[in-house]
Amino acid sequence: MDLKIRDLDAGAMQVLKEVASKQNVSRNELLKRHLEDLAQFQGIKRAEKDLDSTLRSVGKALEITYNRLHQLEKQSMKVYLLLATVLDIDPEETDDYLENMFNVNVKEMN
């Protein structure tokens, strides 16, 4: 695909000519590389924005999950204590029973 640039400043044209000469390429090739690099850079910036957005969404979801698990843990402790109270069982005896019966180390869970 062709691209024409009109009314380019003479000073800018001279700089392009010198840079192209140092790199041993034509001005056309130099400009082509710069434009392709610019397009690629813009694509990378867009991908970074998408990634940031996705990471923010994942972070929010993790925070919601953490809060729900925390609330669930609180509710489980309340049910545990209520059950121990209703059955007139010492909660520490229940811990020992669970550890012995199911090989569950309740103290490690807390």
N, C-alpha and C. Protein backbone atom coordinates (compact mmCIF):
# COMPACT_ATOMS: atom_id res chain seq x y z
N MET A 1 0.85 -1.16 0.00
CA MET A 1 0.00 0.00 0.00
C MET A 1 0.90 1.23 0.00
N ASP A 2 0.52 2.22 -0.75
CA ASP A 2 1.30 3.44 -0.87
C ASP A 2 0.78 4.53 0.04
N LEU A 3 1.71 5.40 0.45
CA LEU A 3 1.37 6.53 1.30
C LEU A 3 2.18 7.72 0.83
N LYS A 4 1.52 8.86 0.64
CA LYS A 4 2.23 10.08 0.24
C LYS A 4 2.11 11.10 1.35
N ILE A 5 3.24 11.76 1.63
CA ILE A 5 3.25 12.81 2.64
C ILE A 5 3.57 14.12 1.94
N ARG A 6 2.68 15.07 2.08
CA ARG A 6 2.87 16.38 1.45
C ARG A 6 3.25 17.42 2.49
N ASP A 7 3.92 18.46 2.03
CA ASP A 7 4.25 19.64 2.84
C ASP A 7 5.10 19.30 4.07
N LEU A 8 6.00 18.36 3.93
CA LEU A 8 6.91 18.02 5.03
C LEU A 8 7.96 19.12 5.17
N ASP A 9 8.24 19.50 6.40
CA ASP A 9 9.23 20.53 6.69
C ASP A 9 10.59 20.12 6.12
N ALA A 10 11.30 21.09 5.53
CA ALA A 10 12.61 20.82 4.91
C ALA A 10 13.61 20.31 5.94
N GLY A 11 13.56 20.85 7.15
CA GLY A 11 14.46 20.39 8.21
C GLY A 11 14.20 18.94 8.57
N ALA A 12 12.92 18.57 8.65
CA ALA A 12 12.56 17.18 8.95
C ALA A 12 13.03 16.27 7.83
N MET A 13 12.88 16.72 6.60
CA MET A 13 13.32 15.92 5.45
C MET A 13 14.83 15.69 5.50
N GLN A 14 15.58 16.72 5.90
CA GLN A 14 17.03 16.60 5.98
C GLN A 14 17.43 15.59 7.07
N VAL A 15 16.74 15.66 8.21
CA VAL A 15 17.02 14.71 9.30
C VAL A 15 16.73 13.28 8.83
N LEU A 16 15.61 13.09 8.15
CA LEU A 16 15.27 11.75 7.64
C LEU A 16 16.34 11.25 6.67
N LYS A 17 16.80 12.15 5.81
CA LYS A 17 17.83 11.80 4.83
C LYS A 17 19.12 11.37 5.53
N GLU A 18 19.52 12.11 6.57
CA GLU A 18 20.75 11.79 7.30
C GLU A 18 20.62 10.47 8.07
N VAL A 19 19.48 10.28 8.74
CA VAL A 19 19.28 9.04 9.51
C VAL A 19 19.24 7.84 8.56
N ALA A 20 18.56 7.97 7.45
CA ALA A 20 18.48 6.89 6.47
C ALA A 20 19.86 6.56 5.92
N SER A 21 20.64 7.60 5.69
CA SER A 21 21.99 7.41 5.17
C SER A 21 22.86 6.65 6.19
N LYS A 22 22.76 7.03 7.46
CA LYS A 22 23.53 6.36 8.51
C LYS A 22 23.14 4.88 8.64
N GLN A 23 21.85 4.60 8.43
CA GLN A 23 21.38 3.22 8.55
C GLN A 23 21.51 2.46 7.22
N ASN A 24 22.00 3.17 6.21
CA ASN A 24 22.21 2.58 4.89
C ASN A 24 20.92 2.02 4.29
N VAL A 25 19.83 2.79 4.46
CA VAL A 25 18.53 2.44 3.87
C VAL A 25 17.97 3.69 3.19
N SER A 26 16.94 3.49 2.40
CA SER A 26 16.29 4.64 1.76
C SER A 26 15.39 5.35 2.78
N ARG A 27 15.05 6.60 2.44
CA ARG A 27 14.10 7.32 3.31
C ARG A 27 12.78 6.58 3.37
N ASN A 28 12.38 6.03 2.26
CA ASN A 28 11.12 5.27 2.19
C ASN A 28 11.16 4.09 3.17
N GLU A 29 12.26 3.35 3.13
CA GLU A 29 12.40 2.19 4.02
C GLU A 29 12.44 2.63 5.48
N LEU A 30 13.12 3.72 5.78
CA LEU A 30 13.19 4.25 7.13
C LEU A 30 11.79 4.63 7.64
N LEU A 31 11.07 5.38 6.82
CA LEU A 31 9.71 5.78 7.22
C LEU A 31 8.79 4.57 7.36
N LYS A 32 8.93 3.62 6.45
CA LYS A 32 8.12 2.40 6.52
C LYS A 32 8.35 1.69 7.85
N ARG A 33 9.62 1.54 8.24
CA ARG A 33 9.94 0.88 9.52
C ARG A 33 9.35 1.64 10.70
N HIS A 34 9.50 2.96 10.67
CA HIS A 34 8.97 3.76 11.77
C HIS A 34 7.45 3.64 11.87
N LEU A 35 6.77 3.69 10.74
CA LEU A 35 5.30 3.58 10.75
C LEU A 35 4.86 2.19 11.20
N GLU A 36 5.55 1.15 10.76
CA GLU A 36 5.20 -0.21 11.19
C GLU A 36 5.45 -0.39 12.68
N ASP A 37 6.57 0.18 13.16
CA ASP A 37 6.86 0.12 14.60
C ASP A 37 5.78 0.85 15.40
N LEU A 38 5.36 2.01 14.89
CA LEU A 38 4.32 2.77 15.56
C LEU A 38 3.01 1.99 15.63
N ALA A 39 2.64 1.36 14.52
CA ALA A 39 1.40 0.56 14.49
C ALA A 39 1.50 -0.62 15.46
N GLN A 40 2.67 -1.25 15.49
CA GLN A 40 2.85 -2.38 16.41
C GLN A 40 2.80 -1.90 17.86
N PHE A 41 3.40 -0.76 18.14
CA PHE A 41 3.39 -0.20 19.48
C PHE A 41 1.96 0.10 19.93
N GLN A 42 1.17 0.67 19.01
CA GLN A 42 -0.23 0.97 19.35
C GLN A 42 -1.00 -0.32 19.65
N GLY A 43 -0.70 -1.38 18.89
CA GLY A 43 -1.34 -2.68 19.15
C GLY A 43 -0.96 -3.22 20.52
N ILE A 44 0.30 -3.04 20.88
CA ILE A 44 0.77 -3.51 22.19
C ILE A 44 0.09 -2.70 23.29
N LYS A 45 -0.01 -1.39 23.10
CA LYS A 45 -0.68 -0.55 24.11
C LYS A 45 -2.13 -0.98 24.27
N ARG A 46 -2.81 -1.29 23.18
CA ARG A 46 -4.21 -1.72 23.24
C ARG A 46 -4.31 -3.05 24.00
N ALA A 47 -3.38 -3.97 23.71
CA ALA A 47 -3.37 -5.27 24.39
C ALA A 47 -3.10 -5.08 25.89
N GLU A 48 -2.22 -4.16 26.24
CA GLU A 48 -1.95 -3.88 27.65
C GLU A 48 -3.18 -3.34 28.35
N LYS A 49 -3.92 -2.46 27.67
CA LYS A 49 -5.15 -1.92 28.25
C LYS A 49 -6.15 -3.04 28.50
N ASP A 50 -6.28 -3.94 27.51
CA ASP A 50 -7.21 -5.07 27.66
C ASP A 50 -6.77 -5.96 28.82
N LEU A 51 -5.47 -6.20 28.92
CA LEU A 51 -4.95 -7.03 30.01
C LEU A 51 -5.21 -6.38 31.36
N ASP A 52 -4.97 -5.07 31.46
CA ASP A 52 -5.23 -4.35 32.71
C ASP A 52 -6.69 -4.45 33.11
N SER A 53 -7.56 -4.30 32.13
CA SER A 53 -9.00 -4.39 32.39
C SER A 53 -9.36 -5.79 32.89
N THR A 54 -8.81 -6.80 32.25
CA THR A 54 -9.08 -8.18 32.65
C THR A 54 -8.55 -8.44 34.06
N LEU A 55 -7.34 -7.96 34.35
CA LEU A 55 -6.77 -8.16 35.68
C LEU A 55 -7.59 -7.45 36.76
N ARG A 56 -8.11 -6.25 36.44
CA ARG A 56 -8.98 -5.56 37.41
C ARG A 56 -10.24 -6.38 37.67
N SER A 57 -10.82 -6.95 36.61
CA SER A 57 -12.02 -7.77 36.77
C SER A 57 -11.72 -9.01 37.61
N VAL A 58 -10.60 -9.64 37.35
CA VAL A 58 -10.22 -10.83 38.12
C VAL A 58 -9.97 -10.45 39.58
N GLY A 59 -9.32 -9.30 39.79
CA GLY A 59 -9.07 -8.84 41.16
C GLY A 59 -10.36 -8.60 41.92
N LYS A 60 -11.33 -7.96 41.25
CA LYS A 60 -12.63 -7.72 41.89
C LYS A 60 -13.33 -9.04 42.21
N ALA A 61 -13.26 -9.99 41.27
CA ALA A 61 -13.89 -11.29 41.50
C ALA A 61 -13.23 -12.01 42.67
N LEU A 62 -11.91 -11.93 42.76
CA LEU A 62 -11.20 -12.57 43.88
C LEU A 62 -11.57 -11.91 45.21
N GLU A 63 -11.69 -10.60 45.19
CA GLU A 63 -12.08 -9.89 46.41
C GLU A 63 -13.48 -10.29 46.86
N ILE A 64 -14.41 -10.39 45.92
CA ILE A 64 -15.78 -10.82 46.23
C ILE A 64 -15.76 -12.24 46.78
N THR A 65 -14.99 -13.11 46.14
CA THR A 65 -14.89 -14.51 46.59
C THR A 65 -14.31 -14.59 47.99
N TYR A 66 -13.26 -13.81 48.24
CA TYR A 66 -12.65 -13.78 49.57
C TYR A 66 -13.67 -13.33 50.61
N ASN A 67 -14.40 -12.27 50.33
CA ASN A 67 -15.40 -11.76 51.29
C ASN A 67 -16.49 -12.78 51.54
N ARG A 68 -16.93 -13.45 50.49
CA ARG A 68 -17.98 -14.48 50.67
C ARG A 68 -17.45 -15.65 51.50
N LEU A 69 -16.22 -16.08 51.23
CA LEU A 69 -15.64 -17.17 52.03
C LEU A 69 -15.47 -16.76 53.49
N HIS A 70 -15.08 -15.52 53.70
CA HIS A 70 -14.93 -15.02 55.07
C HIS A 70 -16.28 -15.04 55.80
N GLN A 71 -17.33 -14.59 55.13
CA GLN A 71 -18.66 -14.61 55.72
C GLN A 71 -19.12 -16.05 55.98
N LEU A 72 -18.83 -16.93 55.03
CA LEU A 72 -19.19 -18.34 55.19
C LEU A 72 -18.47 -18.95 56.39
N GLU A 73 -17.22 -18.60 56.57
CA GLU A 73 -16.46 -19.09 57.72
C GLU A 73 -17.08 -18.60 59.03
N LYS A 74 -17.47 -17.33 59.07
CA LYS A 74 -18.12 -16.80 60.27
C LYS A 74 -19.42 -17.54 60.56
N GLN A 75 -20.22 -17.75 59.52
CA GLN A 75 -21.50 -18.44 59.70
C GLN A 75 -21.28 -19.89 60.14
N SER A 76 -20.26 -20.53 59.57
CA SER A 76 -19.96 -21.91 59.96
C SER A 76 -19.58 -21.99 61.43
N MET A 77 -18.80 -21.02 61.91
CA MET A 77 -18.43 -21.01 63.32
C MET A 77 -19.65 -20.80 64.21
N LYS A 78 -20.56 -19.96 63.79
CA LYS A 78 -21.79 -19.73 64.56
C LYS A 78 -22.61 -21.01 64.63
N VAL A 79 -22.75 -21.69 63.50
CA VAL A 79 -23.52 -22.95 63.47
C VAL A 79 -22.82 -23.99 64.34
N TYR A 80 -21.52 -24.04 64.26
CA TYR A 80 -20.72 -24.98 65.07
C TYR A 80 -20.95 -24.74 66.56
N LEU A 81 -20.86 -23.49 66.97
CA LEU A 81 -21.07 -23.17 68.39
C LEU A 81 -22.51 -23.40 68.81
N LEU A 82 -23.45 -23.07 67.92
CA LEU A 82 -24.86 -23.31 68.23
C LEU A 82 -25.12 -24.81 68.41
N LEU A 83 -24.58 -25.61 67.50
CA LEU A 83 -24.76 -27.05 67.59
C LEU A 83 -24.14 -27.60 68.88
N ALA A 84 -22.95 -27.13 69.22
CA ALA A 84 -22.30 -27.57 70.45
C ALA A 84 -23.14 -27.18 71.66
N THR A 85 -23.73 -25.98 71.63
CA THR A 85 -24.55 -25.52 72.74
C THR A 85 -25.83 -26.35 72.85
N VAL A 86 -26.50 -26.57 71.73
CA VAL A 86 -27.75 -27.32 71.73
C VAL A 86 -27.52 -28.76 72.17
N LEU A 87 -26.43 -29.35 71.75
CA LEU A 87 -26.13 -30.74 72.12
C LEU A 87 -25.43 -30.84 73.47
N ASP A 88 -25.17 -29.67 74.05
CA ASP A 88 -24.50 -29.61 75.34
C ASP A 88 -23.15 -30.35 75.30
N ILE A 89 -22.38 -30.00 74.27
CA ILE A 89 -21.06 -30.60 74.07
C ILE A 89 -20.02 -29.49 74.16
N ASP A 90 -18.92 -29.80 74.82
CA ASP A 90 -17.81 -28.84 74.87
C ASP A 90 -17.16 -28.79 73.48
N PRO A 91 -17.02 -27.59 72.89
CA PRO A 91 -16.43 -27.49 71.54
C PRO A 91 -15.05 -28.14 71.44
N GLU A 92 -14.26 -28.11 72.49
CA GLU A 92 -12.94 -28.73 72.43
C GLU A 92 -13.05 -30.25 72.36
N GLU A 93 -14.08 -30.80 73.00
CA GLU A 93 -14.31 -32.24 72.91
C GLU A 93 -14.69 -32.60 71.48
N THR A 94 -15.44 -31.74 70.85
CA THR A 94 -15.84 -31.98 69.46
C THR A 94 -14.60 -31.96 68.56
N ASP A 95 -13.70 -31.02 68.81
CA ASP A 95 -12.46 -30.97 68.03
C ASP A 95 -11.70 -32.28 68.16
N ASP A 96 -11.57 -32.76 69.40
CA ASP A 96 -10.86 -34.02 69.63
C ASP A 96 -11.56 -35.18 68.94
N TYR A 97 -12.89 -35.19 68.99
CA TYR A 97 -13.67 -36.24 68.36
C TYR A 97 -13.43 -36.24 66.85
N LEU A 98 -13.50 -35.06 66.24
CA LEU A 98 -13.28 -34.96 64.79
C LEU A 98 -11.88 -35.40 64.41
N GLU A 99 -10.91 -34.99 65.20
CA GLU A 99 -9.53 -35.38 64.91
C GLU A 99 -9.35 -36.89 64.97
N ASN A 100 -9.94 -37.52 65.98
CA ASN A 100 -9.79 -38.97 66.16
C ASN A 100 -10.62 -39.75 65.16
N MET A 101 -11.84 -39.32 64.91
CA MET A 101 -12.75 -40.07 64.07
C MET A 101 -12.44 -39.94 62.58
N PHE A 102 -12.12 -38.74 62.14
CA PHE A 102 -11.96 -38.48 60.70
C PHE A 102 -10.54 -38.07 60.30
N ASN A 103 -9.62 -38.17 61.23
CA ASN A 103 -8.25 -37.75 60.98
C ASN A 103 -8.19 -36.31 60.44
N VAL A 104 -9.00 -35.45 61.04
CA VAL A 104 -9.04 -34.05 60.66
C VAL A 104 -8.39 -33.27 61.79
N ASN A 105 -7.37 -32.49 61.45
CA ASN A 105 -6.74 -31.65 62.46
C ASN A 105 -7.41 -30.29 62.45
N VAL A 106 -8.38 -30.11 63.32
CA VAL A 106 -9.17 -28.90 63.37
C VAL A 106 -8.31 -27.69 63.72
N LYS A 107 -7.34 -27.89 64.57
CA LYS A 107 -6.48 -26.77 64.97
C LYS A 107 -5.68 -26.22 63.80
N GLU A 108 -5.28 -27.08 62.85
CA GLU A 108 -4.56 -26.61 61.67
C GLU A 108 -5.47 -25.80 60.76
N MET A 109 -6.77 -26.11 60.77
CA MET A 109 -7.73 -25.39 59.93
C MET A 109 -7.90 -23.96 60.41
N ASN A 110 -7.78 -23.73 61.69
CA ASN A 110 -7.98 -22.39 62.25
C ASN A 110 -6.76 -21.61 62.10
